[in-house]
Amino acid sequence: MALKKMVSRFTKPVEEIDREHLTAFCDARHLSAMDAIAPRSRVRVGGEVRSVRIVPRAGAPAMEVTVSDGRGSVVAVFLGRRKIAGMSPGRKVAFEGVVARDGKRYLVFNPIYELLT
């Protein structure tokens, strides 16, 4: 049994190991799983920031932060913002707000956020 675990650990892709660690990190903080959220519901989700981009919406800047927990992803949209101190790719964050669906992706507009360590 121990040999099987050791062989499995050495043969797993690094991305899969990182995804398992990220999922365990989110579960330890009692964050909702992103693959089980429903539109128009209030959730507390979190994970690792994958991308940050500035997108104009209705003529005003909007900052889109894509966060993944290893099971799915959510895009937090901060209207009227160009940057948030500490919000950068690789950082772990938690968002709380109402989820909306836009095509295949989930959006949370102007969520309450917490930078995690």
N, C-alpha and C. Protein backbone atom coordinates (compact mmCIF):
# COMPACT_ATOMS: atom_id res chain seq x y z
N MET A 1 0.83 -1.19 0.00
CA MET A 1 0.00 0.00 0.00
C MET A 1 0.87 1.25 0.00
N ALA A 2 1.90 1.29 0.84
CA ALA A 2 2.78 2.46 0.91
C ALA A 2 3.54 2.65 -0.40
N LEU A 3 3.94 1.55 -1.03
CA LEU A 3 4.64 1.63 -2.31
C LEU A 3 3.72 2.19 -3.39
N LYS A 4 2.46 1.80 -3.35
CA LYS A 4 1.49 2.29 -4.34
C LYS A 4 1.28 3.80 -4.20
N LYS A 5 1.20 4.29 -2.95
CA LYS A 5 1.05 5.73 -2.71
C LYS A 5 2.28 6.49 -3.19
N MET A 6 3.45 5.93 -2.92
CA MET A 6 4.68 6.60 -3.31
C MET A 6 4.80 6.68 -4.83
N VAL A 7 4.49 5.60 -5.51
CA VAL A 7 4.54 5.59 -6.98
C VAL A 7 3.52 6.57 -7.54
N SER A 8 2.32 6.60 -6.95
CA SER A 8 1.28 7.53 -7.39
C SER A 8 1.72 8.97 -7.22
N ARG A 9 2.37 9.26 -6.10
CA ARG A 9 2.81 10.63 -5.82
C ARG A 9 3.87 11.09 -6.82
N PHE A 10 4.75 10.18 -7.22
CA PHE A 10 5.82 10.56 -8.15
C PHE A 10 5.36 10.57 -9.61
N THR A 11 4.27 9.93 -9.92
CA THR A 11 3.83 9.87 -11.31
C THR A 11 2.69 10.84 -11.63
N LYS A 12 2.10 11.47 -10.61
CA LYS A 12 1.03 12.44 -10.85
C LYS A 12 1.61 13.70 -11.48
N PRO A 13 0.87 14.31 -12.40
CA PRO A 13 1.32 15.61 -12.94
C PRO A 13 1.29 16.69 -11.85
N VAL A 14 2.19 17.64 -11.96
CA VAL A 14 2.30 18.71 -10.98
C VAL A 14 1.00 19.51 -10.90
N GLU A 15 0.33 19.72 -12.04
CA GLU A 15 -0.92 20.48 -12.06
C GLU A 15 -1.99 19.80 -11.21
N GLU A 16 -2.04 18.48 -11.27
CA GLU A 16 -3.04 17.74 -10.49
C GLU A 16 -2.74 17.83 -8.99
N ILE A 17 -1.48 17.77 -8.62
CA ILE A 17 -1.09 17.90 -7.21
C ILE A 17 -1.43 19.30 -6.71
N ASP A 18 -1.12 20.33 -7.52
CA ASP A 18 -1.46 21.71 -7.14
C ASP A 18 -2.96 21.89 -6.97
N ARG A 19 -3.75 21.28 -7.87
CA ARG A 19 -5.21 21.38 -7.80
C ARG A 19 -5.73 20.73 -6.52
N GLU A 20 -5.17 19.59 -6.13
CA GLU A 20 -5.58 18.92 -4.89
C GLU A 20 -5.25 19.78 -3.66
N HIS A 21 -4.07 20.40 -3.66
CA HIS A 21 -3.68 21.26 -2.54
C HIS A 21 -4.60 22.48 -2.45
N LEU A 22 -4.94 23.06 -3.60
CA LEU A 22 -5.82 24.23 -3.62
C LEU A 22 -7.22 23.87 -3.15
N THR A 23 -7.72 22.71 -3.55
CA THR A 23 -9.03 22.25 -3.11
C THR A 23 -9.04 22.03 -1.60
N ALA A 24 -7.99 21.43 -1.06
CA ALA A 24 -7.89 21.21 0.39
C ALA A 24 -7.80 22.54 1.13
N PHE A 25 -7.09 23.52 0.57
CA PHE A 25 -6.97 24.85 1.17
C PHE A 25 -8.35 25.50 1.29
N CYS A 26 -9.13 25.43 0.21
CA CYS A 26 -10.47 26.04 0.20
C CYS A 26 -11.43 25.31 1.13
N ASP A 27 -11.36 23.99 1.16
CA ASP A 27 -12.23 23.21 2.06
C ASP A 27 -11.92 23.51 3.52
N ALA A 28 -10.66 23.73 3.85
CA ALA A 28 -10.28 24.02 5.23
C ALA A 28 -10.84 25.37 5.70
N ARG A 29 -11.11 26.27 4.77
CA ARG A 29 -11.66 27.58 5.12
C ARG A 29 -13.17 27.66 4.91
N HIS A 30 -13.80 26.53 4.68
CA HIS A 30 -15.26 26.41 4.53
C HIS A 30 -15.80 27.30 3.42
N LEU A 31 -15.09 27.34 2.29
CA LEU A 31 -15.54 28.09 1.13
C LEU A 31 -16.39 27.17 0.25
N SER A 32 -17.39 27.74 -0.41
CA SER A 32 -18.26 26.94 -1.29
C SER A 32 -17.47 26.40 -2.48
N ALA A 33 -17.78 25.18 -2.87
CA ALA A 33 -17.14 24.59 -4.04
C ALA A 33 -17.70 25.26 -5.30
N MET A 34 -16.83 25.68 -6.19
CA MET A 34 -17.26 26.43 -7.37
C MET A 34 -18.02 25.58 -8.38
N ASP A 35 -17.86 24.28 -8.32
CA ASP A 35 -18.61 23.44 -9.25
C ASP A 35 -20.02 23.14 -8.75
N ALA A 36 -20.37 23.64 -7.56
CA ALA A 36 -21.70 23.38 -6.98
C ALA A 36 -22.49 24.66 -6.70
N ILE A 37 -22.04 25.81 -7.20
CA ILE A 37 -22.77 27.04 -6.94
C ILE A 37 -23.92 27.21 -7.92
N ALA A 38 -24.95 27.91 -7.48
CA ALA A 38 -26.14 28.14 -8.31
C ALA A 38 -26.28 29.63 -8.57
N PRO A 39 -26.73 30.02 -9.77
CA PRO A 39 -26.94 31.44 -10.07
C PRO A 39 -27.97 32.06 -9.12
N ARG A 40 -27.82 33.35 -8.90
CA ARG A 40 -28.71 34.14 -8.06
C ARG A 40 -28.73 33.69 -6.61
N SER A 41 -27.63 33.18 -6.14
CA SER A 41 -27.54 32.78 -4.73
C SER A 41 -26.33 33.47 -4.11
N ARG A 42 -26.41 33.71 -2.82
CA ARG A 42 -25.30 34.35 -2.11
C ARG A 42 -24.31 33.26 -1.71
N VAL A 43 -23.05 33.46 -2.08
CA VAL A 43 -22.03 32.46 -1.80
C VAL A 43 -20.77 33.12 -1.26
N ARG A 44 -19.96 32.30 -0.63
CA ARG A 44 -18.61 32.70 -0.22
C ARG A 44 -17.67 31.71 -0.89
N VAL A 45 -16.97 32.18 -1.91
CA VAL A 45 -16.06 31.33 -2.68
C VAL A 45 -14.66 31.91 -2.58
N GLY A 46 -13.70 31.10 -2.94
CA GLY A 46 -12.32 31.58 -2.90
C GLY A 46 -11.39 30.61 -3.57
N GLY A 47 -10.16 31.02 -3.66
CA GLY A 47 -9.14 30.19 -4.29
C GLY A 47 -7.97 31.06 -4.69
N GLU A 48 -7.33 30.68 -5.78
CA GLU A 48 -6.14 31.36 -6.26
C GLU A 48 -6.48 32.23 -7.45
N VAL A 49 -5.98 33.45 -7.46
CA VAL A 49 -6.21 34.36 -8.58
C VAL A 49 -5.45 33.84 -9.80
N ARG A 50 -6.17 33.60 -10.89
CA ARG A 50 -5.56 33.11 -12.13
C ARG A 50 -5.24 34.25 -13.09
N SER A 51 -6.12 35.26 -13.16
CA SER A 51 -5.85 36.39 -14.04
C SER A 51 -6.54 37.64 -13.52
N VAL A 52 -5.95 38.79 -13.87
CA VAL A 52 -6.51 40.09 -13.54
C VAL A 52 -6.46 40.90 -14.83
N ARG A 53 -7.61 41.46 -15.21
CA ARG A 53 -7.62 42.28 -16.42
C ARG A 53 -8.59 43.44 -16.27
N ILE A 54 -8.32 44.50 -17.02
CA ILE A 54 -9.16 45.69 -17.02
C ILE A 54 -10.01 45.64 -18.29
N VAL A 55 -11.33 45.71 -18.12
CA VAL A 55 -12.26 45.63 -19.25
C VAL A 55 -13.23 46.82 -19.14
N PRO A 56 -13.38 47.59 -20.21
CA PRO A 56 -14.35 48.69 -20.14
C PRO A 56 -15.78 48.15 -20.18
N ARG A 57 -16.62 48.61 -19.29
CA ARG A 57 -18.03 48.24 -19.24
C ARG A 57 -18.84 49.53 -19.20
N ALA A 58 -19.65 49.73 -20.20
CA ALA A 58 -20.51 50.92 -20.29
C ALA A 58 -19.69 52.21 -20.18
N GLY A 59 -18.50 52.22 -20.78
CA GLY A 59 -17.68 53.42 -20.79
C GLY A 59 -16.85 53.65 -19.56
N ALA A 60 -16.98 52.82 -18.54
CA ALA A 60 -16.20 52.96 -17.31
C ALA A 60 -15.30 51.73 -17.14
N PRO A 61 -14.16 51.90 -16.50
CA PRO A 61 -13.29 50.74 -16.31
C PRO A 61 -13.87 49.74 -15.32
N ALA A 62 -13.56 48.49 -15.56
CA ALA A 62 -13.98 47.43 -14.64
C ALA A 62 -12.83 46.43 -14.54
N MET A 63 -12.52 46.04 -13.35
CA MET A 63 -11.45 45.08 -13.11
C MET A 63 -12.05 43.69 -12.96
N GLU A 64 -11.61 42.75 -13.79
CA GLU A 64 -12.10 41.37 -13.72
C GLU A 64 -11.00 40.49 -13.13
N VAL A 65 -11.33 39.79 -12.06
CA VAL A 65 -10.39 38.90 -11.38
C VAL A 65 -10.95 37.48 -11.46
N THR A 66 -10.23 36.60 -12.16
CA THR A 66 -10.65 35.21 -12.28
C THR A 66 -9.98 34.40 -11.18
N VAL A 67 -10.82 33.69 -10.41
CA VAL A 67 -10.34 32.90 -9.27
C VAL A 67 -10.75 31.45 -9.47
N SER A 68 -9.84 30.54 -9.17
CA SER A 68 -10.10 29.12 -9.30
C SER A 68 -9.84 28.42 -7.97
N ASP A 69 -10.68 27.41 -7.67
CA ASP A 69 -10.47 26.62 -6.45
C ASP A 69 -10.06 25.19 -6.78
N GLY A 70 -9.70 24.92 -8.02
CA GLY A 70 -9.31 23.58 -8.43
C GLY A 70 -10.47 22.78 -9.00
N ARG A 71 -11.70 23.21 -8.75
CA ARG A 71 -12.88 22.51 -9.26
C ARG A 71 -13.62 23.33 -10.31
N GLY A 72 -13.46 24.63 -10.27
CA GLY A 72 -14.13 25.53 -11.19
C GLY A 72 -13.57 26.93 -11.01
N SER A 73 -14.19 27.90 -11.69
CA SER A 73 -13.71 29.27 -11.55
C SER A 73 -14.87 30.26 -11.52
N VAL A 74 -14.61 31.41 -10.93
CA VAL A 74 -15.57 32.51 -10.81
C VAL A 74 -14.83 33.79 -11.16
N VAL A 75 -15.53 34.70 -11.83
CA VAL A 75 -14.94 35.99 -12.17
C VAL A 75 -15.57 37.05 -11.27
N ALA A 76 -14.73 37.75 -10.51
CA ALA A 76 -15.19 38.86 -9.68
C ALA A 76 -15.01 40.13 -10.50
N VAL A 77 -16.08 40.91 -10.63
CA VAL A 77 -16.03 42.14 -11.42
C VAL A 77 -16.16 43.33 -10.47
N PHE A 78 -15.13 44.16 -10.44
CA PHE A 78 -15.13 45.36 -9.62
C PHE A 78 -15.36 46.55 -10.54
N LEU A 79 -16.56 47.09 -10.53
CA LEU A 79 -16.93 48.19 -11.41
C LEU A 79 -16.29 49.49 -10.96
N GLY A 80 -15.75 50.25 -11.92
CA GLY A 80 -15.13 51.53 -11.61
C GLY A 80 -13.75 51.43 -11.00
N ARG A 81 -13.14 50.26 -10.99
CA ARG A 81 -11.81 50.08 -10.38
C ARG A 81 -10.81 49.71 -11.46
N ARG A 82 -9.60 50.20 -11.31
CA ARG A 82 -8.51 49.83 -12.21
C ARG A 82 -7.51 48.91 -11.52
N LYS A 83 -7.43 49.00 -10.21
CA LYS A 83 -6.53 48.12 -9.46
C LYS A 83 -6.99 48.02 -8.01
N ILE A 84 -6.58 46.93 -7.38
CA ILE A 84 -6.80 46.71 -5.96
C ILE A 84 -5.46 46.25 -5.40
N ALA A 85 -4.98 46.90 -4.39
CA ALA A 85 -3.69 46.55 -3.80
C ALA A 85 -3.70 45.11 -3.32
N GLY A 86 -2.69 44.36 -3.72
CA GLY A 86 -2.56 42.98 -3.29
C GLY A 86 -3.27 41.96 -4.16
N MET A 87 -4.09 42.40 -5.09
CA MET A 87 -4.84 41.49 -5.95
C MET A 87 -4.00 41.22 -7.21
N SER A 88 -3.28 40.11 -7.21
CA SER A 88 -2.41 39.77 -8.33
C SER A 88 -2.44 38.26 -8.54
N PRO A 89 -2.09 37.79 -9.74
CA PRO A 89 -2.10 36.35 -10.01
C PRO A 89 -1.24 35.59 -9.01
N GLY A 90 -1.77 34.46 -8.56
CA GLY A 90 -1.08 33.62 -7.59
C GLY A 90 -1.50 33.87 -6.16
N ARG A 91 -2.18 34.98 -5.92
CA ARG A 91 -2.63 35.34 -4.56
C ARG A 91 -3.90 34.57 -4.22
N LYS A 92 -4.05 34.16 -2.98
CA LYS A 92 -5.27 33.47 -2.54
C LYS A 92 -6.24 34.49 -1.96
N VAL A 93 -7.50 34.43 -2.41
CA VAL A 93 -8.52 35.39 -1.98
C VAL A 93 -9.84 34.67 -1.74
N ALA A 94 -10.73 35.35 -1.03
CA ALA A 94 -12.10 34.87 -0.82
C ALA A 94 -13.05 35.99 -1.21
N PHE A 95 -14.13 35.64 -1.89
CA PHE A 95 -15.14 36.61 -2.32
C PHE A 95 -16.48 36.21 -1.74
N GLU A 96 -17.29 37.21 -1.40
CA GLU A 96 -18.64 36.95 -0.94
C GLU A 96 -19.58 37.89 -1.68
N GLY A 97 -20.63 37.30 -2.27
CA GLY A 97 -21.59 38.09 -3.01
C GLY A 97 -22.61 37.20 -3.70
N VAL A 98 -23.42 37.82 -4.55
CA VAL A 98 -24.45 37.09 -5.29
C VAL A 98 -23.89 36.72 -6.66
N VAL A 99 -24.04 35.47 -7.03
CA VAL A 99 -23.49 34.94 -8.28
C VAL A 99 -24.48 35.13 -9.42
N ALA A 100 -23.97 35.61 -10.55
CA ALA A 100 -24.77 35.72 -11.78
C ALA A 100 -24.10 34.86 -12.84
N ARG A 101 -24.87 34.46 -13.81
CA ARG A 101 -24.34 33.62 -14.88
C ARG A 101 -24.28 34.42 -16.17
N ASP A 102 -23.14 34.38 -16.85
CA ASP A 102 -22.96 35.05 -18.12
C ASP A 102 -22.42 34.02 -19.11
N GLY A 103 -23.31 33.39 -19.85
CA GLY A 103 -22.89 32.32 -20.75
C GLY A 103 -22.45 31.11 -19.94
N LYS A 104 -21.18 30.76 -20.08
CA LYS A 104 -20.66 29.60 -19.36
C LYS A 104 -19.92 29.97 -18.09
N ARG A 105 -19.76 31.26 -17.82
CA ARG A 105 -18.98 31.64 -16.64
C ARG A 105 -19.87 32.29 -15.58
N TYR A 106 -19.39 32.20 -14.34
CA TYR A 106 -20.10 32.79 -13.21
C TYR A 106 -19.43 34.11 -12.85
N LEU A 107 -20.24 35.13 -12.58
CA LEU A 107 -19.75 36.46 -12.22
C LEU A 107 -20.26 36.86 -10.84
N VAL A 108 -19.44 37.59 -10.11
CA VAL A 108 -19.84 38.19 -8.84
C VAL A 108 -19.48 39.66 -8.96
N PHE A 109 -20.49 40.54 -8.97
CA PHE A 109 -20.25 41.97 -9.13
C PHE A 109 -20.00 42.63 -7.78
N ASN A 110 -18.91 43.43 -7.72
CA ASN A 110 -18.52 44.19 -6.52
C ASN A 110 -18.62 43.35 -5.24
N PRO A 111 -17.91 42.21 -5.20
CA PRO A 111 -18.00 41.37 -4.00
C PRO A 111 -17.21 41.93 -2.83
N ILE A 112 -17.57 41.44 -1.66
CA ILE A 112 -16.74 41.68 -0.48
C ILE A 112 -15.56 40.73 -0.64
N TYR A 113 -14.36 41.21 -0.47
CA TYR A 113 -13.20 40.34 -0.68
C TYR A 113 -12.29 40.33 0.54
N GLU A 114 -11.54 39.23 0.65
CA GLU A 114 -10.59 39.05 1.73
C GLU A 114 -9.34 38.43 1.15
N LEU A 115 -8.19 39.04 1.38
CA LEU A 115 -6.93 38.48 0.93
C LEU A 115 -6.49 37.44 1.96
N LEU A 116 -6.25 36.22 1.50
CA LEU A 116 -5.89 35.12 2.39
C LEU A 116 -4.41 34.85 2.36
N THR A 117 -3.91 34.19 3.39
CA THR A 117 -2.49 33.84 3.43
C THR A 117 -2.32 32.35 3.44
